[in-house]
Amino acid sequence: AVVSTQSTGDFKRRIPFFKNANPWTIDLLAHHSASVTGSQLTIPLVFRRCLQLLAAGILLPGSASISDPCEPGFVKAHSFMSYEHQDELSCGAQTLLRALAHGGFREILGMNGARRVTFDTPIMFDGVIVTPSKLAYEKPTETEKMDTNAGS
């Protein structure tokens, strides 16, 4: 959990979609990633598993999510996040996973001399072009909101 919190602080400075990430939610995600398998995982595997869960949409609306153990009942750990931010986390994690799959770990971790992973333009890793994911969530227009309210 300590490593995930330190990584989150670093990611908040370097990776745009992590700027609003709550350290508590990331700690819960890291704990879930490390403990759900039943076997001891190394830090790189926990990191990859966290990205996989985010990319798969564990913090998207309608997902099973992760419950906050400090709240009574079943309160989703991401309930404070806007739909836009939930979508940004999922899309950003998808892009990071693709970069990681093609050897971009230095870029993701911001190691000395490594270029930055971009989230608006494609980047090449060992001859493979990694294209950033596109956001899926679109904020409803005022007309759509009125149509929805009129139908209820």
N, C-alpha and C. Protein backbone atom coordinates (compact mmCIF):
# COMPACT_ATOMS: atom_id res chain seq x y z
N ALA A 1 0.83 -1.19 0.00
CA ALA A 1 0.00 0.00 0.00
C ALA A 1 0.88 1.25 0.00
N VAL A 2 2.01 1.21 0.70
CA VAL A 2 2.90 2.37 0.74
C VAL A 2 3.44 2.68 -0.65
N VAL A 3 3.84 1.63 -1.36
CA VAL A 3 4.37 1.82 -2.72
C VAL A 3 3.29 2.38 -3.63
N SER A 4 2.04 1.89 -3.48
CA SER A 4 0.97 2.39 -4.34
C SER A 4 0.69 3.87 -4.06
N THR A 5 0.76 4.29 -2.79
CA THR A 5 0.52 5.68 -2.44
C THR A 5 1.64 6.56 -3.01
N GLN A 6 2.88 6.11 -2.91
CA GLN A 6 3.99 6.87 -3.47
C GLN A 6 3.88 6.95 -4.99
N SER A 7 3.51 5.84 -5.62
CA SER A 7 3.32 5.83 -7.07
C SER A 7 2.20 6.75 -7.47
N THR A 8 1.13 6.78 -6.69
CA THR A 8 0.00 7.66 -7.00
C THR A 8 0.44 9.12 -6.96
N GLY A 9 1.23 9.49 -5.95
CA GLY A 9 1.73 10.86 -5.88
C GLY A 9 2.56 11.22 -7.10
N ASP A 10 3.41 10.30 -7.54
CA ASP A 10 4.22 10.50 -8.73
C ASP A 10 3.34 10.58 -9.97
N PHE A 11 2.39 9.67 -10.08
CA PHE A 11 1.48 9.65 -11.22
C PHE A 11 0.66 10.93 -11.29
N LYS A 12 0.24 11.47 -10.16
CA LYS A 12 -0.56 12.70 -10.14
C LYS A 12 0.22 13.86 -10.76
N ARG A 13 1.53 13.85 -10.59
CA ARG A 13 2.36 14.91 -11.16
C ARG A 13 2.60 14.70 -12.65
N ARG A 14 2.68 13.46 -13.11
CA ARG A 14 3.10 13.18 -14.48
C ARG A 14 2.01 12.71 -15.42
N ILE A 15 0.98 12.07 -14.90
CA ILE A 15 -0.02 11.43 -15.76
C ILE A 15 -1.37 12.13 -15.55
N PRO A 16 -1.89 12.76 -16.60
CA PRO A 16 -3.06 13.63 -16.47
C PRO A 16 -4.29 12.97 -15.83
N PHE A 17 -4.61 11.74 -16.20
CA PHE A 17 -5.84 11.15 -15.70
C PHE A 17 -5.77 10.75 -14.23
N PHE A 18 -4.59 10.79 -13.64
CA PHE A 18 -4.43 10.49 -12.22
C PHE A 18 -4.52 11.74 -11.34
N LYS A 19 -4.67 12.91 -11.95
CA LYS A 19 -4.61 14.16 -11.19
C LYS A 19 -5.68 14.24 -10.10
N ASN A 20 -6.82 13.64 -10.31
CA ASN A 20 -7.89 13.66 -9.30
C ASN A 20 -8.02 12.34 -8.53
N ALA A 21 -7.05 11.45 -8.70
CA ALA A 21 -7.13 10.15 -8.04
C ALA A 21 -7.02 10.31 -6.53
N ASN A 22 -7.90 9.65 -5.83
CA ASN A 22 -7.91 9.68 -4.38
C ASN A 22 -6.96 8.59 -3.87
N PRO A 23 -5.97 8.94 -3.04
CA PRO A 23 -5.03 7.93 -2.54
C PRO A 23 -5.74 6.78 -1.81
N TRP A 24 -6.84 7.05 -1.12
CA TRP A 24 -7.57 6.00 -0.41
C TRP A 24 -8.14 4.99 -1.40
N THR A 25 -8.72 5.47 -2.48
CA THR A 25 -9.27 4.56 -3.50
C THR A 25 -8.16 3.74 -4.13
N ILE A 26 -7.01 4.37 -4.39
CA ILE A 26 -5.88 3.65 -4.98
C ILE A 26 -5.34 2.62 -3.99
N ASP A 27 -5.30 2.96 -2.71
CA ASP A 27 -4.88 1.98 -1.69
C ASP A 27 -5.82 0.78 -1.66
N LEU A 28 -7.13 1.05 -1.71
CA LEU A 28 -8.11 -0.05 -1.73
C LEU A 28 -7.93 -0.91 -2.97
N LEU A 29 -7.69 -0.26 -4.11
CA LEU A 29 -7.47 -0.98 -5.36
C LEU A 29 -6.22 -1.85 -5.27
N ALA A 30 -5.13 -1.30 -4.72
CA ALA A 30 -3.89 -2.07 -4.57
C ALA A 30 -4.08 -3.24 -3.62
N HIS A 31 -4.78 -3.01 -2.52
CA HIS A 31 -5.04 -4.09 -1.56
C HIS A 31 -5.88 -5.18 -2.22
N HIS A 32 -6.91 -4.78 -2.94
CA HIS A 32 -7.77 -5.74 -3.64
C HIS A 32 -6.96 -6.53 -4.67
N SER A 33 -6.11 -5.83 -5.41
CA SER A 33 -5.28 -6.48 -6.44
C SER A 33 -4.34 -7.50 -5.84
N ALA A 34 -3.76 -7.16 -4.68
CA ALA A 34 -2.77 -8.03 -4.05
C ALA A 34 -3.41 -9.19 -3.30
N SER A 35 -4.60 -9.00 -2.77
CA SER A 35 -5.16 -10.02 -1.87
C SER A 35 -6.17 -10.95 -2.52
N VAL A 36 -6.75 -10.58 -3.63
CA VAL A 36 -7.82 -11.38 -4.22
C VAL A 36 -7.33 -12.68 -4.86
N THR A 37 -6.06 -12.73 -5.24
CA THR A 37 -5.54 -13.91 -5.93
C THR A 37 -5.30 -15.10 -5.01
N GLY A 38 -5.11 -14.84 -3.73
CA GLY A 38 -4.84 -15.92 -2.79
C GLY A 38 -3.38 -16.30 -2.70
N SER A 39 -2.55 -15.72 -3.57
CA SER A 39 -1.11 -15.98 -3.49
C SER A 39 -0.38 -14.65 -3.39
N GLN A 40 0.85 -14.72 -2.94
CA GLN A 40 1.67 -13.52 -2.77
C GLN A 40 2.10 -12.99 -4.12
N LEU A 41 1.83 -11.73 -4.42
CA LEU A 41 2.23 -11.12 -5.68
C LEU A 41 3.36 -10.13 -5.45
N THR A 42 4.23 -10.00 -6.44
CA THR A 42 5.30 -9.01 -6.37
C THR A 42 4.72 -7.63 -6.68
N ILE A 43 5.47 -6.59 -6.35
CA ILE A 43 5.00 -5.23 -6.60
C ILE A 43 4.70 -4.98 -8.08
N PRO A 44 5.57 -5.41 -9.02
CA PRO A 44 5.22 -5.21 -10.43
C PRO A 44 3.92 -5.91 -10.85
N LEU A 45 3.66 -7.09 -10.31
CA LEU A 45 2.41 -7.78 -10.64
C LEU A 45 1.19 -7.08 -10.04
N VAL A 46 1.34 -6.55 -8.83
CA VAL A 46 0.24 -5.79 -8.22
C VAL A 46 -0.02 -4.53 -9.05
N PHE A 47 1.04 -3.86 -9.48
CA PHE A 47 0.91 -2.66 -10.31
C PHE A 47 0.18 -2.99 -11.60
N ARG A 48 0.59 -4.06 -12.27
CA ARG A 48 -0.07 -4.46 -13.51
C ARG A 48 -1.52 -4.83 -13.26
N ARG A 49 -1.78 -5.54 -12.17
CA ARG A 49 -3.15 -5.95 -11.83
C ARG A 49 -4.03 -4.73 -11.56
N CYS A 50 -3.48 -3.71 -10.89
CA CYS A 50 -4.23 -2.46 -10.67
C CYS A 50 -4.61 -1.82 -12.00
N LEU A 51 -3.64 -1.74 -12.92
CA LEU A 51 -3.94 -1.18 -14.24
C LEU A 51 -4.98 -2.02 -14.97
N GLN A 52 -4.87 -3.35 -14.85
CA GLN A 52 -5.84 -4.22 -15.52
C GLN A 52 -7.25 -4.00 -14.98
N LEU A 53 -7.36 -3.88 -13.67
CA LEU A 53 -8.68 -3.65 -13.07
C LEU A 53 -9.25 -2.30 -13.48
N LEU A 54 -8.41 -1.27 -13.46
CA LEU A 54 -8.87 0.06 -13.90
C LEU A 54 -9.28 0.03 -15.37
N ALA A 55 -8.46 -0.61 -16.20
CA ALA A 55 -8.74 -0.70 -17.63
C ALA A 55 -10.03 -1.47 -17.92
N ALA A 56 -10.29 -2.47 -17.10
CA ALA A 56 -11.50 -3.29 -17.28
C ALA A 56 -12.75 -2.58 -16.78
N GLY A 57 -12.57 -1.49 -16.05
CA GLY A 57 -13.73 -0.71 -15.63
C GLY A 57 -14.21 -0.96 -14.22
N ILE A 58 -13.34 -1.38 -13.32
CA ILE A 58 -13.78 -1.66 -11.96
C ILE A 58 -14.30 -0.41 -11.26
N LEU A 59 -13.89 0.77 -11.73
CA LEU A 59 -14.38 2.01 -11.13
C LEU A 59 -15.33 2.77 -12.04
N LEU A 60 -16.00 2.06 -12.94
CA LEU A 60 -17.00 2.68 -13.81
C LEU A 60 -18.40 2.48 -13.22
N PRO A 61 -19.35 3.33 -13.61
CA PRO A 61 -20.73 3.17 -13.13
C PRO A 61 -21.27 1.79 -13.50
N GLY A 62 -21.97 1.18 -12.58
CA GLY A 62 -22.56 -0.13 -12.84
C GLY A 62 -21.63 -1.30 -12.62
N SER A 63 -20.38 -1.03 -12.25
CA SER A 63 -19.43 -2.12 -12.02
C SER A 63 -19.61 -2.69 -10.63
N ALA A 64 -19.03 -3.85 -10.40
CA ALA A 64 -19.06 -4.46 -9.06
C ALA A 64 -18.29 -3.60 -8.08
N SER A 65 -17.26 -2.94 -8.56
CA SER A 65 -16.45 -2.00 -7.80
C SER A 65 -15.76 -2.63 -6.60
N ILE A 66 -15.27 -1.78 -5.74
CA ILE A 66 -14.63 -2.17 -4.49
C ILE A 66 -15.36 -1.40 -3.40
N SER A 67 -15.76 -2.09 -2.37
CA SER A 67 -16.47 -1.38 -1.29
C SER A 67 -15.48 -0.75 -0.34
N ASP A 68 -15.88 0.37 0.23
CA ASP A 68 -15.06 1.08 1.21
C ASP A 68 -15.31 0.44 2.57
N PRO A 69 -14.32 -0.21 3.16
CA PRO A 69 -14.53 -0.91 4.43
C PRO A 69 -14.77 0.02 5.62
N CYS A 70 -14.52 1.30 5.44
CA CYS A 70 -14.70 2.25 6.54
C CYS A 70 -16.09 2.89 6.54
N GLU A 71 -16.88 2.59 5.53
CA GLU A 71 -18.24 3.13 5.44
C GLU A 71 -19.24 2.03 5.77
N PRO A 72 -20.34 2.38 6.43
CA PRO A 72 -21.36 1.37 6.73
C PRO A 72 -22.09 0.96 5.45
N GLY A 73 -22.43 -0.30 5.37
CA GLY A 73 -23.12 -0.81 4.18
C GLY A 73 -22.15 -0.98 3.03
N PHE A 74 -22.68 -1.06 1.83
CA PHE A 74 -21.83 -1.22 0.64
C PHE A 74 -21.74 0.13 -0.06
N VAL A 75 -20.69 0.88 0.25
CA VAL A 75 -20.43 2.16 -0.41
C VAL A 75 -19.27 1.95 -1.37
N LYS A 76 -19.51 2.22 -2.63
CA LYS A 76 -18.46 2.04 -3.63
C LYS A 76 -17.33 3.03 -3.39
N ALA A 77 -16.11 2.55 -3.53
CA ALA A 77 -14.94 3.37 -3.27
C ALA A 77 -14.83 4.54 -4.23
N HIS A 78 -15.48 4.44 -5.38
CA HIS A 78 -15.38 5.52 -6.37
C HIS A 78 -16.64 6.38 -6.44
N SER A 79 -17.51 6.28 -5.45
CA SER A 79 -18.79 6.99 -5.51
C SER A 79 -18.63 8.51 -5.54
N PHE A 80 -17.50 9.05 -5.10
CA PHE A 80 -17.26 10.49 -5.09
C PHE A 80 -16.80 11.01 -6.45
N MET A 81 -16.42 10.11 -7.36
CA MET A 81 -15.84 10.51 -8.64
C MET A 81 -16.92 10.82 -9.67
N SER A 82 -16.65 11.81 -10.51
CA SER A 82 -17.58 12.13 -11.60
C SER A 82 -17.48 11.03 -12.68
N TYR A 83 -18.49 10.94 -13.53
CA TYR A 83 -18.46 9.98 -14.63
C TYR A 83 -17.28 10.24 -15.56
N GLU A 84 -16.98 11.54 -15.79
CA GLU A 84 -15.86 11.89 -16.65
C GLU A 84 -14.55 11.36 -16.07
N HIS A 85 -14.37 11.53 -14.78
CA HIS A 85 -13.12 11.08 -14.16
C HIS A 85 -13.02 9.56 -14.16
N GLN A 86 -14.12 8.87 -13.93
CA GLN A 86 -14.12 7.41 -13.97
C GLN A 86 -13.70 6.93 -15.37
N ASP A 87 -14.23 7.59 -16.40
CA ASP A 87 -13.90 7.24 -17.78
C ASP A 87 -12.44 7.54 -18.08
N GLU A 88 -11.93 8.69 -17.59
CA GLU A 88 -10.52 9.04 -17.79
C GLU A 88 -9.59 7.99 -17.18
N LEU A 89 -9.90 7.54 -15.97
CA LEU A 89 -9.07 6.52 -15.32
C LEU A 89 -9.05 5.23 -16.12
N SER A 90 -10.21 4.81 -16.59
CA SER A 90 -10.30 3.57 -17.35
C SER A 90 -9.54 3.67 -18.68
N CYS A 91 -9.77 4.75 -19.41
CA CYS A 91 -9.08 4.94 -20.71
C CYS A 91 -7.58 5.10 -20.54
N GLY A 92 -7.18 5.87 -19.54
CA GLY A 92 -5.76 6.06 -19.29
C GLY A 92 -5.06 4.77 -18.92
N ALA A 93 -5.73 3.95 -18.10
CA ALA A 93 -5.15 2.66 -17.71
C ALA A 93 -5.04 1.73 -18.92
N GLN A 94 -6.02 1.80 -19.84
CA GLN A 94 -5.94 0.98 -21.05
C GLN A 94 -4.72 1.36 -21.88
N THR A 95 -4.47 2.66 -21.99
CA THR A 95 -3.30 3.13 -22.74
C THR A 95 -2.00 2.70 -22.05
N LEU A 96 -1.95 2.84 -20.73
CA LEU A 96 -0.74 2.43 -19.99
C LEU A 96 -0.50 0.93 -20.12
N LEU A 97 -1.55 0.13 -20.10
CA LEU A 97 -1.38 -1.32 -20.25
C LEU A 97 -0.82 -1.67 -21.62
N ARG A 98 -1.32 -1.00 -22.66
CA ARG A 98 -0.79 -1.26 -24.00
C ARG A 98 0.68 -0.87 -24.08
N ALA A 99 1.04 0.26 -23.48
CA ALA A 99 2.45 0.68 -23.46
C ALA A 99 3.29 -0.33 -22.68
N LEU A 100 2.78 -0.79 -21.55
CA LEU A 100 3.49 -1.77 -20.73
C LEU A 100 3.69 -3.08 -21.48
N ALA A 101 2.68 -3.50 -22.24
CA ALA A 101 2.76 -4.75 -22.99
C ALA A 101 3.83 -4.70 -24.08
N HIS A 102 4.20 -3.48 -24.50
CA HIS A 102 5.19 -3.35 -25.56
C HIS A 102 6.50 -2.76 -25.05
N GLY A 103 6.76 -2.95 -23.75
CA GLY A 103 8.05 -2.56 -23.20
C GLY A 103 8.16 -1.13 -22.72
N GLY A 104 7.06 -0.46 -22.45
CA GLY A 104 7.10 0.94 -22.05
C GLY A 104 7.17 1.17 -20.56
N PHE A 105 7.71 0.23 -19.79
CA PHE A 105 7.73 0.38 -18.34
C PHE A 105 8.58 1.58 -17.90
N ARG A 106 9.68 1.86 -18.60
CA ARG A 106 10.52 3.01 -18.23
C ARG A 106 9.74 4.32 -18.40
N GLU A 107 8.99 4.40 -19.48
CA GLU A 107 8.20 5.60 -19.74
C GLU A 107 7.08 5.75 -18.71
N ILE A 108 6.44 4.65 -18.37
CA ILE A 108 5.34 4.70 -17.41
C ILE A 108 5.84 5.10 -16.04
N LEU A 109 6.98 4.57 -15.64
CA LEU A 109 7.54 4.87 -14.32
C LEU A 109 8.34 6.16 -14.29
N GLY A 110 8.51 6.82 -15.44
CA GLY A 110 9.22 8.09 -15.48
C GLY A 110 10.68 7.97 -15.14
N MET A 111 11.30 6.87 -15.56
CA MET A 111 12.72 6.66 -15.26
C MET A 111 13.56 7.67 -16.03
N ASN A 112 14.73 7.97 -15.48
CA ASN A 112 15.62 8.98 -16.07
C ASN A 112 15.88 8.71 -17.55
N GLY A 113 15.74 9.76 -18.33
CA GLY A 113 16.02 9.66 -19.75
C GLY A 113 14.90 9.08 -20.59
N ALA A 114 13.85 8.57 -19.98
CA ALA A 114 12.75 7.98 -20.74
C ALA A 114 11.79 9.08 -21.19
N ARG A 115 11.25 8.90 -22.37
CA ARG A 115 10.26 9.87 -22.85
C ARG A 115 8.94 9.66 -22.11
N ARG A 116 8.04 10.56 -22.25
CA ARG A 116 6.75 10.48 -21.56
C ARG A 116 5.74 9.71 -22.41
N VAL A 117 4.87 8.98 -21.75
CA VAL A 117 3.74 8.36 -22.44
C VAL A 117 2.72 9.48 -22.67
N THR A 118 2.28 9.61 -23.90
CA THR A 118 1.31 10.65 -24.21
C THR A 118 -0.09 10.05 -24.28
N PHE A 119 -1.06 10.87 -23.98
CA PHE A 119 -2.45 10.40 -23.98
C PHE A 119 -3.29 11.10 -25.03
N ASP A 120 -2.61 11.85 -25.91
CA ASP A 120 -3.34 12.52 -26.99
C ASP A 120 -2.79 12.18 -28.37
N THR A 121 -1.58 11.64 -28.43
CA THR A 121 -1.00 11.23 -29.71
C THR A 121 -0.38 9.84 -29.57
N PRO A 122 -0.34 9.09 -30.65
CA PRO A 122 0.29 7.75 -30.60
C PRO A 122 1.79 7.85 -30.28
N ILE A 123 2.31 6.79 -29.68
CA ILE A 123 3.73 6.71 -29.35
C ILE A 123 4.22 5.31 -29.75
N MET A 124 5.48 5.21 -30.20
CA MET A 124 6.00 3.94 -30.70
C MET A 124 6.91 3.29 -29.66
N PHE A 125 6.71 1.99 -29.44
CA PHE A 125 7.54 1.17 -28.57
C PHE A 125 8.03 -0.02 -29.37
N ASP A 126 9.32 -0.11 -29.58
CA ASP A 126 9.92 -1.24 -30.31
C ASP A 126 9.19 -1.54 -31.62
N GLY A 127 8.87 -0.51 -32.37
CA GLY A 127 8.24 -0.70 -33.67
C GLY A 127 6.73 -0.89 -33.62
N VAL A 128 6.13 -0.84 -32.43
CA VAL A 128 4.68 -1.00 -32.29
C VAL A 128 4.09 0.35 -31.88
N ILE A 129 3.10 0.80 -32.63
CA ILE A 129 2.45 2.08 -32.32
C ILE A 129 1.34 1.84 -31.31
N VAL A 130 1.42 2.56 -30.19
CA VAL A 130 0.39 2.49 -29.15
C VAL A 130 -0.46 3.75 -29.27
N THR A 131 -1.73 3.54 -29.59
CA THR A 131 -2.66 4.66 -29.75
C THR A 131 -3.45 4.83 -28.46
N PRO A 132 -3.53 6.05 -27.93
CA PRO A 132 -4.30 6.27 -26.70
C PRO A 132 -5.78 5.94 -26.87
N SER A 133 -6.39 5.44 -25.82
CA SER A 133 -7.83 5.16 -25.83
C SER A 133 -8.60 6.46 -25.92
N LYS A 134 -9.78 6.38 -26.49
CA LYS A 134 -10.68 7.54 -26.58
C LYS A 134 -11.69 7.45 -25.45
N LEU A 135 -12.04 8.59 -24.89
CA LEU A 135 -13.05 8.63 -23.84
C LEU A 135 -14.39 8.18 -24.39
N ALA A 136 -15.14 7.46 -23.60
CA ALA A 136 -16.43 6.94 -24.04
C ALA A 136 -17.60 7.76 -23.49
N TYR A 137 -17.44 8.33 -22.29
CA TYR A 137 -18.53 9.05 -21.65
C TYR A 137 -18.74 10.42 -22.29
N GLU A 138 -19.98 10.70 -22.62
CA GLU A 138 -20.35 12.02 -23.11
C GLU A 138 -21.40 12.59 -22.19
N LYS A 139 -21.14 13.78 -21.69
CA LYS A 139 -22.07 14.44 -20.79
C LYS A 139 -23.39 14.69 -21.53
N PRO A 140 -24.52 14.35 -20.91
CA PRO A 140 -25.81 14.58 -21.59
C PRO A 140 -26.03 16.07 -21.84
N THR A 141 -26.62 16.38 -22.99
CA THR A 141 -26.95 17.77 -23.29
C THR A 141 -28.20 18.16 -22.52
N GLU A 142 -28.47 19.44 -22.48
CA GLU A 142 -29.67 19.93 -21.78
C GLU A 142 -30.93 19.33 -22.38
N THR A 143 -30.98 19.17 -23.70
CA THR A 143 -32.14 18.58 -24.37
C THR A 143 -32.35 17.14 -23.93
N GLU A 144 -31.25 16.37 -23.86
CA GLU A 144 -31.34 14.97 -23.43
C GLU A 144 -31.80 14.88 -21.98
N LYS A 145 -31.32 15.79 -21.13
CA LYS A 145 -31.75 15.81 -19.72
C LYS A 145 -33.24 16.10 -19.62
N MET A 146 -33.72 17.06 -20.41
CA MET A 146 -35.15 17.40 -20.36
C MET A 146 -36.00 16.25 -20.89
N ASP A 147 -35.54 15.57 -21.95
CA ASP A 147 -36.27 14.42 -22.50
C ASP A 147 -36.36 13.30 -21.48
N THR A 148 -35.28 13.07 -20.75
CA THR A 148 -35.26 12.02 -19.72
C THR A 148 -36.21 12.37 -18.58
N ASN A 149 -36.20 13.61 -18.14
CA ASN A 149 -37.08 14.05 -17.06
C ASN A 149 -38.54 14.03 -17.48
N ALA A 150 -38.83 14.35 -18.73
CA ALA A 150 -40.22 14.36 -19.22
C ALA A 150 -40.78 12.95 -19.29
N GLY A 151 -39.92 11.97 -19.56
CA GLY A 151 -40.36 10.59 -19.69
C GLY A 151 -40.62 9.92 -18.36
N SER A 152 -40.16 10.50 -17.24
CA SER A 152 -40.36 9.83 -15.95
C SER A 152 -41.62 10.22 -15.28
